[in-house]
Amino acid sequence: MRGEGGKEEGEIDRLPIDLLAHIFSLLTCFNDLAQASGVCRKWRQGVKESLARKEKLSFAGCKLDDESVTRLVLHAYGLKELCIPRSRWGCQITDHGLHQLSKAKCISNLVSISLWGLTGITDKGVGQLISRATSLQHLNIGGTFITDASVVVIAESCPHLKTIVFWGCHHVTEDGLILLVNKCRKLESINAWGMRVPLECFIVLLTISPALKILPKAMLLDAERAPMPVF
């Protein structure tokens, strides 16, 4: 069978775009997707359509930079969960990358974002991204250098937030945590491991929201045993 230009067409070239997109959606390695998109125009379109169907994208274990992440996420129109953690080879995501991601159509529909361990980002980039993520329910911002400035944006922009990880966020203070719990009334748990806030802060948080889970559990037990503050 011959295709365009009279050239002989292989069996796989006869597959419709929808079927190609389904096949590419089964690929979990982004290097494979990148190589597939370079085969021909039809395959490139198939890769784009496969990304549009994805509800979850995780770049765990990948060596990333701003451009590669943005290029993929911009095509993932139906995305619900985005995971961009630090990789063992060194992640290069910066505030510029977060700014570019904030323009993606899927950001306002995301329910879960992980920016775990990204030391190259600051309040500027986080604020830009999170201010657009108004449907967010789960956020992992642990291992970063954010401050209360980012927490203010989270508190103002994410009314549906249920869980948040502040693991090792040394620059977030008790003022930021108290504001967050006051604003995000659906918040169910906070991972505060390694934070430099006093025990009294967690007592106040439990006063505001008695059902709040503070992780690790030892911190919650210590807070529950301590006398309640007098206002």
C-alpha atoms as a PDB file:
ATOM      1  CA  MET A   1       0.000   0.000   0.000  1.00  0.00           C
ATOM      2  CA  ARG A   2       1.295   3.431  -0.910  1.00  0.00           C
ATOM      3  CA  GLY A   3       0.792   6.647   1.053  1.00  0.00           C
ATOM      4  CA  GLU A   4       1.507  10.294   0.316  1.00  0.00           C
ATOM      5  CA  GLY A   5       3.992  10.904  -2.493  1.00  0.00           C
ATOM      6  CA  GLY A   6       3.642   7.343  -3.750  1.00  0.00           C
ATOM      7  CA  LYS A   7       5.897   5.966  -1.011  1.00  0.00           C
ATOM      8  CA  GLU A   8       5.209   2.509   0.347  1.00  0.00           C
ATOM      9  CA  GLU A   9       3.329   2.760   3.638  1.00  0.00           C
ATOM     10  CA  GLY A  10       4.136   0.498   6.582  1.00  0.00           C
ATOM     11  CA  GLU A  11       1.457  -1.279   8.605  1.00  0.00           C
ATOM     12  CA  ILE A  12       1.811   1.042  11.599  1.00  0.00           C
ATOM     13  CA  ASP A  13       1.467   4.092   9.365  1.00  0.00           C
ATOM     14  CA  ARG A  14      -2.076   3.005   8.514  1.00  0.00           C
ATOM     15  CA  LEU A  15      -3.214   3.371  12.128  1.00  0.00           C
ATOM     16  CA  PRO A  16      -5.645   6.264  12.722  1.00  0.00           C
ATOM     17  CA  ILE A  17      -4.550   9.155  14.954  1.00  0.00           C
ATOM     18  CA  ASP A  18      -6.934   8.109  17.754  1.00  0.00           C
ATOM     19  CA  LEU A  19      -5.364   4.661  17.992  1.00  0.00           C
ATOM     20  CA  LEU A  20      -1.842   6.072  17.848  1.00  0.00           C
ATOM     21  CA  ALA A  21      -2.740   8.503  20.641  1.00  0.00           C
ATOM     22  CA  HIS A  22      -4.052   5.604  22.751  1.00  0.00           C
ATOM     23  CA  ILE A  23      -0.821   3.644  22.221  1.00  0.00           C
ATOM     24  CA  PHE A  24       1.330   6.653  23.109  1.00  0.00           C
ATOM     25  CA  SER A  25      -0.785   7.288  26.227  1.00  0.00           C
ATOM     26  CA  LEU A  26       0.473   3.936  27.565  1.00  0.00           C
ATOM     27  CA  LEU A  27       4.092   5.121  27.456  1.00  0.00           C
ATOM     28  CA  THR A  28       5.374   6.227  30.866  1.00  0.00           C
ATOM     29  CA  CYS A  29       8.862   7.311  29.754  1.00  0.00           C
ATOM     30  CA  PHE A  30       8.931  10.886  28.501  1.00  0.00           C
ATOM     31  CA  ASN A  31      12.119  10.214  26.549  1.00  0.00           C
ATOM     32  CA  ASP A  32      10.182   7.620  24.530  1.00  0.00           C
ATOM     33  CA  LEU A  33       7.400  10.131  23.904  1.00  0.00           C
ATOM     34  CA  ALA A  34       9.925  12.731  22.787  1.00  0.00           C
ATOM     35  CA  GLN A  35      11.499  10.287  20.349  1.00  0.00           C
ATOM     36  CA  ALA A  36       8.087   9.184  19.033  1.00  0.00           C
ATOM     37  CA  SER A  37       7.079  12.785  18.373  1.00  0.00           C
ATOM     38  CA  GLY A  38      10.143  13.179  16.159  1.00  0.00           C
ATOM     39  CA  VAL A  39       9.331  10.281  13.833  1.00  0.00           C
ATOM     40  CA  CYS A  40       6.878  12.100  11.588  1.00  0.00           C
ATOM     41  CA  ARG A  41       4.080  14.662  11.599  1.00  0.00           C
ATOM     42  CA  LYS A  42       1.399  12.028  12.218  1.00  0.00           C
ATOM     43  CA  TRP A  43       3.223  10.590  15.214  1.00  0.00           C
ATOM     44  CA  ARG A  44       3.831  14.087  16.598  1.00  0.00           C
ATOM     45  CA  GLN A  45       0.095  14.726  16.457  1.00  0.00           C
ATOM     46  CA  GLY A  46      -0.544  11.376  18.129  1.00  0.00           C
ATOM     47  CA  VAL A  47       1.799  12.283  20.996  1.00  0.00           C
ATOM     48  CA  LYS A  48       0.056  15.644  21.454  1.00  0.00           C
ATOM     49  CA  GLU A  49      -3.360  13.977  21.593  1.00  0.00           C
ATOM     50  CA  SER A  50      -2.096  11.346  24.042  1.00  0.00           C
ATOM     51  CA  LEU A  51      -0.917  14.101  26.391  1.00  0.00           C
ATOM     52  CA  ALA A  52      -4.286  15.833  26.118  1.00  0.00           C
ATOM     53  CA  ARG A  53      -5.923  12.654  27.478  1.00  0.00           C
ATOM     54  CA  LYS A  54      -3.644  12.268  30.501  1.00  0.00           C
ATOM     55  CA  GLU A  55      -5.042  13.103  33.944  1.00  0.00           C
ATOM     56  CA  LYS A  56      -1.759  12.466  35.769  1.00  0.00           C
ATOM     57  CA  LEU A  57       1.794  13.526  34.931  1.00  0.00           C
ATOM     58  CA  SER A  58       4.755  12.627  37.116  1.00  0.00           C
ATOM     59  CA  PHE A  59       8.298  13.643  36.257  1.00  0.00           C
ATOM     60  CA  ALA A  60       9.785  11.690  39.185  1.00  0.00           C
ATOM     61  CA  GLY A  61      13.223  10.342  38.298  1.00  0.00           C
ATOM     62  CA  CYS A  62      13.551  12.525  35.198  1.00  0.00           C
ATOM     63  CA  LYS A  63      16.219  15.109  34.491  1.00  0.00           C
ATOM     64  CA  LEU A  64      14.133  18.179  33.776  1.00  0.00           C
ATOM     65  CA  ASP A  65      14.397  21.799  32.801  1.00  0.00           C
ATOM     66  CA  ASP A  66      11.864  24.595  32.435  1.00  0.00           C
ATOM     67  CA  GLU A  67      11.358  24.153  28.702  1.00  0.00           C
ATOM     68  CA  SER A  68      10.876  20.376  28.655  1.00  0.00           C
ATOM     69  CA  VAL A  69       8.319  20.395  31.465  1.00  0.00           C
ATOM     70  CA  THR A  70       6.394  23.345  30.026  1.00  0.00           C
ATOM     71  CA  ARG A  71       6.287  21.826  26.540  1.00  0.00           C
ATOM     72  CA  LEU A  72       4.605  18.664  27.843  1.00  0.00           C
ATOM     73  CA  VAL A  73       2.212  20.253  30.341  1.00  0.00           C
ATOM     74  CA  LEU A  74       0.916  22.801  27.830  1.00  0.00           C
ATOM     75  CA  HIS A  75      -0.511  19.914  25.762  1.00  0.00           C
ATOM     76  CA  ALA A  76      -2.063  18.123  28.774  1.00  0.00           C
ATOM     77  CA  TYR A  77      -5.431  19.880  28.708  1.00  0.00           C
ATOM     78  CA  GLY A  78      -7.214  17.309  30.920  1.00  0.00           C
ATOM     79  CA  LEU A  79      -4.536  17.132  33.605  1.00  0.00           C
ATOM     80  CA  LYS A  80      -5.683  16.754  37.227  1.00  0.00           C
ATOM     81  CA  GLU A  81      -2.456  15.766  39.026  1.00  0.00           C
ATOM     82  CA  LEU A  82       1.010  17.199  38.408  1.00  0.00           C
ATOM     83  CA  CYS A  83       4.148  15.919  40.147  1.00  0.00           C
ATOM     84  CA  ILE A  84       7.475  17.705  39.590  1.00  0.00           C
ATOM     85  CA  PRO A  85       9.758  16.470  42.387  1.00  0.00           C
ATOM     86  CA  ARG A  86      13.503  16.904  42.666  1.00  0.00           C
ATOM     87  CA  SER A  87      15.330  14.149  40.779  1.00  0.00           C
ATOM     88  CA  ARG A  88      18.549  12.452  41.772  1.00  0.00           C
ATOM     89  CA  TRP A  89      20.250  13.898  38.675  1.00  0.00           C
ATOM     90  CA  GLY A  90      19.381  17.451  39.646  1.00  0.00           C
ATOM     91  CA  CYS A  91      16.166  19.174  38.678  1.00  0.00           C
ATOM     92  CA  GLN A  92      16.533  22.489  36.881  1.00  0.00           C
ATOM     93  CA  ILE A  93      13.004  23.849  37.379  1.00  0.00           C
ATOM     94  CA  THR A  94      13.091  27.545  38.286  1.00  0.00           C
ATOM     95  CA  ASP A  95      10.665  30.399  38.852  1.00  0.00           C
ATOM     96  CA  HIS A  96      10.680  30.957  35.084  1.00  0.00           C
ATOM     97  CA  GLY A  97       9.373  27.430  34.582  1.00  0.00           C
ATOM     98  CA  LEU A  98       6.613  27.887  37.156  1.00  0.00           C
ATOM     99  CA  HIS A  99       5.641  31.169  35.505  1.00  0.00           C
ATOM    100  CA  GLN A 100       5.356  29.418  32.138  1.00  0.00           C
ATOM    101  CA  LEU A 101       3.368  26.549  33.661  1.00  0.00           C
ATOM    102  CA  SER A 102       0.908  29.000  35.199  1.00  0.00           C
ATOM    103  CA  LYS A 103      -0.231  29.845  31.654  1.00  0.00           C
ATOM    104  CA  ALA A 104      -1.277  26.245  30.889  1.00  0.00           C
ATOM    105  CA  LYS A 105      -5.022  25.706  30.476  1.00  0.00           C
ATOM    106  CA  CYS A 106      -4.998  22.743  32.874  1.00  0.00           C
ATOM    107  CA  ILE A 107      -3.640  24.625  35.912  1.00  0.00           C
ATOM    108  CA  SER A 108      -7.013  25.910  37.111  1.00  0.00           C
ATOM    109  CA  ASN A 109      -8.346  22.314  37.090  1.00  0.00           C
ATOM    110  CA  LEU A 110      -5.473  20.672  38.961  1.00  0.00           C
ATOM    111  CA  VAL A 111      -6.444  18.990  42.234  1.00  0.00           C
ATOM    112  CA  SER A 112      -2.912  17.877  43.165  1.00  0.00           C
ATOM    113  CA  ILE A 113       0.503  19.499  42.756  1.00  0.00           C
ATOM    114  CA  SER A 114       3.865  18.297  44.087  1.00  0.00           C
ATOM    115  CA  LEU A 115       6.897  20.581  43.955  1.00  0.00           C
ATOM    116  CA  TRP A 116       8.764  18.426  46.459  1.00  0.00           C
ATOM    117  CA  GLY A 117      12.393  19.389  47.049  1.00  0.00           C
ATOM    118  CA  LEU A 118      12.682  21.990  44.278  1.00  0.00           C
ATOM    119  CA  THR A 119      15.353  24.249  45.757  1.00  0.00           C
ATOM    120  CA  GLY A 120      15.550  26.431  42.650  1.00  0.00           C
ATOM    121  CA  ILE A 121      12.113  27.956  43.143  1.00  0.00           C
ATOM    122  CA  THR A 122      11.103  30.900  45.331  1.00  0.00           C
ATOM    123  CA  ASP A 123       7.967  32.647  46.551  1.00  0.00           C
ATOM    124  CA  LYS A 124       7.773  34.524  43.238  1.00  0.00           C
ATOM    125  CA  GLY A 125       7.364  31.420  41.101  1.00  0.00           C
ATOM    126  CA  VAL A 126       5.240  29.493  43.595  1.00  0.00           C
ATOM    127  CA  GLY A 127       2.879  32.430  44.025  1.00  0.00           C
ATOM    128  CA  GLN A 128       2.461  32.801  40.259  1.00  0.00           C
ATOM    129  CA  LEU A 129       1.580  29.119  39.830  1.00  0.00           C
ATOM    130  CA  ILE A 130      -0.597  28.620  42.903  1.00  0.00           C
ATOM    131  CA  SER A 131      -2.622  31.785  42.293  1.00  0.00           C
ATOM    132  CA  ARG A 132      -3.999  30.032  39.180  1.00  0.00           C
ATOM    133  CA  ALA A 133      -4.553  26.639  40.852  1.00  0.00           C
ATOM    134  CA  THR A 134      -7.918  27.504  42.364  1.00  0.00           C
ATOM    135  CA  SER A 135      -9.218  23.897  42.388  1.00  0.00           C
ATOM    136  CA  LEU A 136      -6.244  22.569  44.346  1.00  0.00           C
ATOM    137  CA  GLN A 137      -6.936  20.003  47.071  1.00  0.00           C
ATOM    138  CA  HIS A 138      -3.476  18.511  47.716  1.00  0.00           C
ATOM    139  CA  LEU A 139      -0.158  20.382  47.720  1.00  0.00           C
ATOM    140  CA  ASN A 140       3.351  19.134  48.486  1.00  0.00           C
ATOM    141  CA  ILE A 141       5.697  22.079  48.846  1.00  0.00           C
ATOM    142  CA  GLY A 142       8.098  20.329  51.232  1.00  0.00           C
ATOM    143  CA  GLY A 143      11.861  20.673  50.981  1.00  0.00           C
ATOM    144  CA  THR A 144      11.713  24.127  49.405  1.00  0.00           C
ATOM    145  CA  PHE A 145      12.736  27.561  50.632  1.00  0.00           C
ATOM    146  CA  ILE A 146       9.314  29.194  50.516  1.00  0.00           C
ATOM    147  CA  THR A 147       8.283  31.696  53.168  1.00  0.00           C
ATOM    148  CA  ASP A 148       4.996  33.002  54.537  1.00  0.00           C
ATOM    149  CA  ALA A 149       4.608  34.974  51.289  1.00  0.00           C
ATOM    150  CA  SER A 150       3.789  31.717  49.470  1.00  0.00           C
ATOM    151  CA  VAL A 151       1.521  30.570  52.292  1.00  0.00           C
ATOM    152  CA  VAL A 152      -0.510  33.782  51.959  1.00  0.00           C
ATOM    153  CA  VAL A 153      -1.088  33.055  48.251  1.00  0.00           C
ATOM    154  CA  ILE A 154      -2.067  29.452  49.037  1.00  0.00           C
ATOM    155  CA  ALA A 155      -4.493  30.619  51.716  1.00  0.00           C
ATOM    156  CA  GLU A 156      -6.089  33.196  49.418  1.00  0.00           C
ATOM    157  CA  SER A 157      -6.222  31.073  46.244  1.00  0.00           C
ATOM    158  CA  CYS A 158      -7.006  27.514  47.371  1.00  0.00           C
ATOM    159  CA  PRO A 159     -10.316  27.371  49.296  1.00  0.00           C
ATOM    160  CA  HIS A 160     -10.681  23.634  48.563  1.00  0.00           C
ATOM    161  CA  LEU A 161      -7.289  22.634  50.000  1.00  0.00           C
ATOM    162  CA  LYS A 162      -7.429  19.406  52.032  1.00  0.00           C
ATOM    163  CA  THR A 163      -3.794  18.378  52.589  1.00  0.00           C
ATOM    164  CA  ILE A 164      -0.490  20.214  52.506  1.00  0.00           C
ATOM    165  CA  VAL A 165       3.117  19.125  53.091  1.00  0.00           C
ATOM    166  CA  PHE A 166       5.530  21.660  54.584  1.00  0.00           C
ATOM    167  CA  TRP A 167       8.226  19.059  55.334  1.00  0.00           C
ATOM    168  CA  GLY A 168      11.422  20.954  56.182  1.00  0.00           C
ATOM    169  CA  CYS A 169      10.098  24.402  55.201  1.00  0.00           C
ATOM    170  CA  HIS A 170      12.217  26.273  57.745  1.00  0.00           C
ATOM    171  CA  HIS A 171      11.169  29.733  56.585  1.00  0.00           C
ATOM    172  CA  VAL A 172       7.423  29.251  57.104  1.00  0.00           C
ATOM    173  CA  THR A 173       6.388  30.655  60.478  1.00  0.00           C
ATOM    174  CA  GLU A 174       3.503  30.127  62.878  1.00  0.00           C
ATOM    175  CA  ASP A 175       1.824  33.253  61.473  1.00  0.00           C
ATOM    176  CA  GLY A 176       1.667  31.610  58.058  1.00  0.00           C
ATOM    177  CA  LEU A 177       0.246  28.349  59.421  1.00  0.00           C
ATOM    178  CA  ILE A 178      -2.416  30.111  61.489  1.00  0.00           C
ATOM    179  CA  LEU A 179      -3.489  32.200  58.492  1.00  0.00           C
ATOM    180  CA  LEU A 180      -3.695  29.056  56.330  1.00  0.00           C
ATOM    181  CA  VAL A 181      -5.891  27.139  58.769  1.00  0.00           C
ATOM    182  CA  ASN A 182      -8.149  30.145  59.255  1.00  0.00           C
ATOM    183  CA  LYS A 183      -8.624  30.628  55.512  1.00  0.00           C
ATOM    184  CA  CYS A 184      -8.710  27.031  54.246  1.00  0.00           C
ATOM    185  CA  ARG A 185     -11.632  25.639  56.217  1.00  0.00           C
ATOM    186  CA  LYS A 186     -11.580  22.295  54.374  1.00  0.00           C
ATOM    187  CA  LEU A 187      -7.998  21.580  55.405  1.00  0.00           C
ATOM    188  CA  GLU A 188      -7.701  18.080  56.880  1.00  0.00           C
ATOM    189  CA  SER A 189      -3.966  17.565  57.448  1.00  0.00           C
ATOM    190  CA  ILE A 190      -0.640  19.387  57.603  1.00  0.00           C
ATOM    191  CA  ASN A 191       2.747  17.659  57.455  1.00  0.00           C
ATOM    192  CA  ALA A 192       4.919  19.929  59.590  1.00  0.00           C
ATOM    193  CA  TRP A 193       7.940  17.660  60.054  1.00  0.00           C
ATOM    194  CA  GLY A 194      11.142  19.653  60.480  1.00  0.00           C
ATOM    195  CA  MET A 195       9.480  23.053  60.680  1.00  0.00           C
ATOM    196  CA  ARG A 196      10.856  25.596  63.129  1.00  0.00           C
ATOM    197  CA  VAL A 197       7.646  26.568  64.844  1.00  0.00           C
ATOM    198  CA  PRO A 198       6.869  26.286  68.571  1.00  0.00           C
ATOM    199  CA  LEU A 199       4.543  23.665  70.024  1.00  0.00           C
ATOM    200  CA  GLU A 200       2.137  26.421  71.023  1.00  0.00           C
ATOM    201  CA  CYS A 201       1.471  27.051  67.327  1.00  0.00           C
ATOM    202  CA  PHE A 202       0.012  23.565  66.872  1.00  0.00           C
ATOM    203  CA  ILE A 203      -2.161  24.059  69.931  1.00  0.00           C
ATOM    204  CA  VAL A 204      -3.597  27.185  68.302  1.00  0.00           C
ATOM    205  CA  LEU A 205      -4.157  25.299  65.045  1.00  0.00           C
ATOM    206  CA  LEU A 206      -6.124  22.625  66.878  1.00  0.00           C
ATOM    207  CA  THR A 207      -8.132  25.317  68.619  1.00  0.00           C
ATOM    208  CA  ILE A 208      -9.130  26.728  65.235  1.00  0.00           C
ATOM    209  CA  SER A 209      -9.732  23.301  63.657  1.00  0.00           C
ATOM    210  CA  PRO A 210     -10.041  20.465  66.231  1.00  0.00           C
ATOM    211  CA  ALA A 211     -10.276  17.765  63.511  1.00  0.00           C
ATOM    212  CA  LEU A 212      -7.014  18.845  61.863  1.00  0.00           C
ATOM    213  CA  LYS A 213      -4.371  16.104  61.550  1.00  0.00           C
ATOM    214  CA  ILE A 214      -0.844  17.299  62.234  1.00  0.00           C
ATOM    215  CA  LEU A 215       1.880  15.004  60.951  1.00  0.00           C
ATOM    216  CA  PRO A 216       4.011  13.364  62.181  1.00  0.00           C
ATOM    217  CA  LYS A 217       1.615  11.997  64.779  1.00  0.00           C
ATOM    218  CA  ALA A 218       4.044  12.595  67.635  1.00  0.00           C
ATOM    219  CA  MET A 219       3.653  16.337  67.147  1.00  0.00           C
ATOM    220  CA  LEU A 220      -0.129  16.024  67.307  1.00  0.00           C
ATOM    221  CA  LEU A 221       0.074  13.987  70.521  1.00  0.00           C
ATOM    222  CA  ASP A 222       2.373  16.565  72.123  1.00  0.00           C
ATOM    223  CA  ALA A 223      -0.004  19.354  71.150  1.00  0.00           C
ATOM    224  CA  GLU A 224      -3.031  17.505  72.506  1.00  0.00           C
ATOM    225  CA  ARG A 225      -1.311  16.887  75.849  1.00  0.00           C
ATOM    226  CA  ALA A 226      -0.264  20.486  76.303  1.00  0.00           C
ATOM    227  CA  PRO A 227      -2.568  22.900  78.147  1.00  0.00           C
ATOM    228  CA  MET A 228      -4.846  24.950  75.925  1.00  0.00           C
ATOM    229  CA  PRO A 229      -3.850  28.601  75.592  1.00  0.00           C
ATOM    230  CA  VAL A 230      -5.885  31.282  77.277  1.00  0.00           C
ATOM    231  CA  PHE A 231      -7.043  34.114  74.999  1.00  0.00           C
END
